[in-house]
Protein backbone atom coordinates (compact mmCIF):
# COMPACT_ATOMS: atom_id res chain seq x y z
CA UNK A 1 -68.07 -19.27 4.58
CA UNK A 2 -67.75 -17.96 7.98
CA UNK A 3 -65.76 -21.41 8.85
CA UNK A 4 -63.46 -20.72 5.95
CA UNK A 5 -62.83 -17.06 7.09
CA UNK A 6 -62.09 -18.38 10.61
CA UNK A 7 -59.54 -20.65 8.91
CA UNK A 8 -57.99 -17.93 6.75
CA UNK A 9 -57.76 -15.78 10.14
CA UNK A 10 -55.82 -18.68 11.75
CA UNK A 11 -53.56 -18.85 8.78
CA UNK A 12 -52.58 -15.27 8.48
CA UNK A 13 -49.98 -15.35 11.03
CA UNK A 14 -48.51 -18.51 9.57
CA UNK A 15 -48.74 -17.12 6.19
CA UNK A 16 -46.96 -13.70 7.23
CA UNK A 17 -44.31 -16.08 9.07
CA UNK A 18 -43.75 -18.24 5.98
CA UNK A 19 -43.24 -15.02 3.71
CA UNK A 20 -41.03 -13.57 6.31
CA UNK A 21 -38.90 -16.60 6.44
CA UNK A 22 -38.88 -16.84 2.58
CA UNK A 23 -37.71 -13.36 2.39
CA UNK A 24 -34.84 -14.36 4.99
CA UNK A 25 -33.90 -17.36 2.97
CA UNK A 26 -33.72 -15.17 -0.25
CA UNK A 27 -31.78 -12.48 1.19
CA UNK A 28 -29.65 -14.88 3.20
CA UNK A 29 -28.81 -16.41 -0.14
CA UNK A 30 -27.68 -13.38 -1.67
CA UNK A 31 -25.66 -12.39 1.31
CA UNK A 32 -24.23 -15.58 1.50
CA UNK A 33 -23.23 -15.34 -2.11
CA UNK A 34 -21.57 -11.79 -1.49
CA UNK A 35 -19.96 -13.18 1.55
CA UNK A 36 -18.42 -16.15 -0.18
CA UNK A 37 -14.82 -14.28 -0.80
CA UNK A 38 -14.91 -12.56 2.48
CA UNK A 39 -11.85 -14.32 3.74
CA UNK A 40 -9.84 -12.95 0.74
CA UNK A 41 -11.58 -9.35 1.31
CA UNK A 42 -10.45 -9.49 4.77
CA UNK A 43 -6.77 -10.29 4.02
CA UNK A 44 -6.88 -7.51 1.53
CA UNK A 45 -8.05 -5.24 3.93
CA UNK A 46 -5.84 -5.98 6.55
CA UNK A 47 -2.94 -5.36 3.87
CA UNK A 48 -4.33 -1.92 2.81
CA UNK A 49 -4.35 -0.93 6.34
CA UNK A 50 -0.85 -2.16 6.99
CA UNK A 51 0.44 -0.13 3.91
CA UNK A 52 -1.22 2.99 4.72
CA UNK A 53 -0.20 2.78 8.32
CA UNK A 54 3.57 2.22 7.11
CA UNK A 55 3.52 4.76 4.37
CA UNK A 56 1.89 7.65 6.25
CA UNK A 57 -1.04 7.29 3.54
CA UNK A 58 -3.09 9.65 5.68
CA UNK A 59 -1.01 12.45 5.50
CA UNK A 60 -2.93 13.49 2.51
CA UNK A 61 -6.34 14.95 3.21
CA UNK A 62 -8.07 13.11 0.37
CA UNK A 63 -6.32 9.90 1.20
CA UNK A 64 -7.22 10.36 4.94
CA UNK A 65 -10.90 10.67 4.04
CA UNK A 66 -10.91 7.80 1.88
CA UNK A 67 -9.25 5.59 4.57
CA UNK A 68 -11.82 6.92 7.10
CA UNK A 69 -14.63 5.86 4.92
CA UNK A 70 -13.15 2.55 4.28
CA UNK A 71 -12.96 1.97 8.41
CA UNK A 72 -16.37 3.23 8.96
CA UNK A 73 -17.83 0.81 5.92
CA UNK A 74 -15.81 -2.12 7.23
CA UNK A 75 -17.04 -1.25 10.86
CA UNK A 76 -20.63 -0.81 9.59
CA UNK A 77 -20.70 -4.32 7.96
CA UNK A 78 -19.21 -6.03 10.92
CA UNK A 79 -22.04 -4.50 13.03
CA UNK A 80 -24.63 -5.64 10.62
CA UNK A 81 -23.35 -9.28 10.40
CA UNK A 82 -23.03 -9.68 14.17
CA UNK A 83 -26.55 -8.20 14.79
CA UNK A 84 -28.67 -9.38 11.88
CA UNK A 85 -32.14 -10.92 12.85
CA UNK A 86 -34.63 -10.03 10.15
CA UNK A 87 -35.09 -10.08 6.24
CA UNK A 88 -34.24 -6.20 6.06
CA UNK A 89 -31.05 -6.80 7.93
CA UNK A 90 -29.86 -9.35 5.59
CA UNK A 91 -31.01 -7.07 2.51
CA UNK A 92 -28.97 -4.20 4.27
CA UNK A 93 -26.05 -6.61 4.72
CA UNK A 94 -25.66 -7.31 1.00
CA UNK A 95 -26.09 -3.53 0.25
CA UNK A 96 -23.30 -2.58 2.97
CA UNK A 97 -21.02 -5.19 1.34
CA UNK A 98 -21.16 -3.63 -1.69
CA UNK A 99 -20.34 -0.29 -0.15
CA UNK A 100 -17.41 -1.79 1.71
CA UNK A 101 -15.92 -3.63 -1.59
CA UNK A 102 -16.10 -0.36 -3.35
CA UNK A 103 -14.42 1.56 -0.72
CA UNK A 104 -11.69 -0.94 -0.51
CA UNK A 105 -11.02 -0.82 -4.14
CA UNK A 106 -10.91 2.92 -4.19
CA UNK A 107 -8.33 2.89 -1.39
CA UNK A 108 -6.46 0.09 -2.83
CA UNK A 109 -5.91 2.06 -6.15
CA UNK A 110 -4.85 5.29 -4.23
CA UNK A 111 -2.55 3.10 -2.34
CA UNK A 112 -0.62 2.10 -5.37
CA UNK A 113 -0.61 5.95 -6.72
CA UNK A 114 0.77 6.76 -3.16
CA UNK A 115 3.57 3.94 -3.21
CA UNK A 116 4.77 5.03 -6.69
CA UNK A 117 5.39 8.32 -5.52
CA UNK A 118 7.28 7.31 -2.46
CA UNK A 119 9.24 4.99 -4.68
CA UNK A 120 10.10 7.29 -7.13
CA UNK A 121 11.25 9.78 -4.49
CA UNK A 122 12.93 7.34 -1.85
CA UNK A 123 14.13 4.38 -3.83
CA UNK A 124 14.82 5.67 -7.62
CA UNK A 125 17.96 7.55 -6.38
CA UNK A 126 19.19 4.03 -5.23
CA UNK A 127 19.28 2.88 -8.77
CA UNK A 128 21.67 5.88 -9.87
CA UNK A 129 24.04 5.54 -6.57
CA UNK A 130 24.28 2.10 -7.15
CA UNK A 131 25.28 2.52 -10.99
CA UNK A 132 27.64 5.03 -9.95
CA UNK A 133 29.46 2.72 -7.31
CA UNK A 134 29.47 0.13 -10.04
CA UNK A 135 31.07 2.27 -12.42
CA UNK A 136 33.55 3.50 -10.16
CA UNK A 137 34.52 -0.14 -9.56
CA UNK A 138 34.11 0.39 -5.73
CA UNK A 139 31.89 -1.55 -3.75
CA UNK A 140 30.49 -2.88 -6.98
CA UNK A 141 28.53 -5.34 -4.81
CA UNK A 142 26.92 -2.87 -2.82
CA UNK A 143 26.12 -0.72 -6.03
CA UNK A 144 24.37 -4.06 -7.57
CA UNK A 145 22.05 -4.45 -4.39
CA UNK A 146 21.42 -0.58 -4.27
CA UNK A 147 20.14 -1.07 -7.97
CA UNK A 148 18.20 -3.88 -7.12
CA UNK A 149 16.48 -2.49 -4.07
CA UNK A 150 15.68 0.32 -6.31
CA UNK A 151 14.14 -1.15 -8.90
CA UNK A 152 12.19 -3.61 -6.94
CA UNK A 153 10.54 -0.77 -5.25
CA UNK A 154 9.77 1.51 -8.45
CA UNK A 155 8.93 -1.40 -10.74
CA UNK A 156 5.88 -2.74 -8.82
CA UNK A 157 3.05 -4.04 -11.23
CA UNK A 158 -0.45 -3.02 -10.66
CA UNK A 159 -1.44 -6.45 -10.87
CA UNK A 160 -0.17 -7.95 -7.71
CA UNK A 161 -2.32 -8.38 -4.75
CA UNK A 162 -2.73 -5.87 -1.92
CA UNK A 163 -0.80 -8.60 0.24
CA UNK A 164 2.06 -8.94 -2.29
CA UNK A 165 2.21 -5.09 -2.46
CA UNK A 166 2.73 -5.04 1.50
CA UNK A 167 5.22 -7.72 1.66
CA UNK A 168 7.12 -5.80 -1.19
CA UNK A 169 7.02 -2.58 0.77
CA UNK A 170 8.01 -4.27 3.92
CA UNK A 171 11.00 -6.17 2.22
CA UNK A 172 12.21 -3.05 0.30
CA UNK A 173 12.07 -0.75 3.14
CA UNK A 174 14.18 -3.01 5.38
CA UNK A 175 16.56 -3.62 2.65
CA UNK A 176 16.99 0.18 2.10
CA UNK A 177 17.65 0.71 5.86
CA UNK A 178 20.32 -2.16 5.84
CA UNK A 179 21.76 -0.45 2.55
CA UNK A 180 21.85 2.88 3.92
CA UNK A 181 24.04 1.76 6.80
CA UNK A 182 26.24 -0.08 4.56
CA UNK A 183 26.73 2.71 2.21
CA UNK A 184 27.25 5.14 5.11
CA UNK A 185 29.96 2.88 6.60
CA UNK A 186 31.61 2.73 3.27
CA UNK A 187 31.65 6.24 2.72
CA UNK A 188 32.54 6.91 6.49
CA UNK A 189 31.85 10.70 5.83
CA UNK A 190 28.54 12.59 5.83
CA UNK A 191 29.82 15.16 3.30
CA UNK A 192 30.71 12.30 0.89
CA UNK A 193 27.50 10.59 1.38
CA UNK A 194 25.81 13.83 0.67
CA UNK A 195 27.71 14.41 -2.40
CA UNK A 196 27.15 10.92 -3.91
CA UNK A 197 23.42 11.29 -3.51
CA UNK A 198 23.36 14.65 -5.07
CA UNK A 199 25.57 13.28 -7.91
CA UNK A 200 23.38 10.53 -8.60
CA UNK A 201 20.36 12.80 -8.70
CA UNK A 202 22.06 15.24 -10.93
CA UNK A 203 22.49 18.25 -8.64
CA UNK A 204 25.66 17.84 -7.37
CA UNK A 205 27.70 21.20 -7.55
CA UNK A 206 31.21 22.25 -6.55
CA UNK A 207 30.01 23.70 -3.24
CA UNK A 208 29.65 19.93 -2.42
CA UNK A 209 33.18 19.20 -3.46
CA UNK A 210 34.48 19.87 0.17
CA UNK A 211 38.03 19.01 1.19
CA UNK A 212 37.16 15.70 2.61
CA UNK A 213 35.00 14.70 -0.58
CA UNK A 214 37.89 15.45 -2.78
CA UNK A 215 40.19 13.24 -0.76
CA UNK A 216 37.52 10.47 -1.18
CA UNK A 217 37.32 10.91 -4.71
CA UNK A 218 41.20 11.05 -5.20
CA UNK A 219 41.64 7.72 -3.29
CA UNK A 220 39.04 5.99 -5.30
CA UNK A 221 40.78 7.45 -8.51
CA UNK A 222 37.06 9.17 -9.59
CA UNK A 223 38.08 13.04 -9.66
CA UNK A 224 37.71 13.41 -13.15
CA UNK A 225 35.07 11.03 -13.69
CA UNK A 226 31.85 13.29 -13.06
CA UNK A 227 30.39 16.46 -14.58
CA UNK A 228 29.91 18.89 -11.66
CA UNK A 229 27.71 21.69 -11.84
CA UNK A 230 29.33 25.36 -11.23
CA UNK A 231 27.93 26.66 -7.95
CA UNK A 232 24.96 28.98 -8.56
């Protein structure tokens, strides 16, 4: 009996190590299963951060807090992956990975809502301005491209990936910059440009019909083409 006890005492450290190794194996398997799509998630995270930076996402307090939480979750996960040594460490990785994925999904959803608001404010008027120029039959090609840019920005589908959304945001913002320069060069007058924007947004008043605006409208045979609100 004493010999068996001695043998058991000898085996206990090995048994403990075996149990620990088995726990590491099980937890590693779970962690590896969670991490199998990590490359896609890293790409998604980068796209989300790019969009957030380029669209001033963090100017809203709630959005800023969600973004900060996402960055902290990503930092915590990266630190855990770098320093994992035990079964408990690996178990924590699986949990922190889930937290990171949830935070990323939350910010992704908020970004899409944020972009829809920006697109409605900054790009929807381009559709009206483009349609206006097309109807005037002046700079019809510019009008068509303005409408295309506005529609691309405002008709983004929720189903596209974060990477595709980022590429769309970059593309339409660059297009808008180029088209704005072209439109200003076409009107050649800040007052005319202001009038066209107001007209497209349905807020043009007689106050905006300055001498230079009237001259431009007459040159383009458009003076009688619009409904102008009386000055309030």
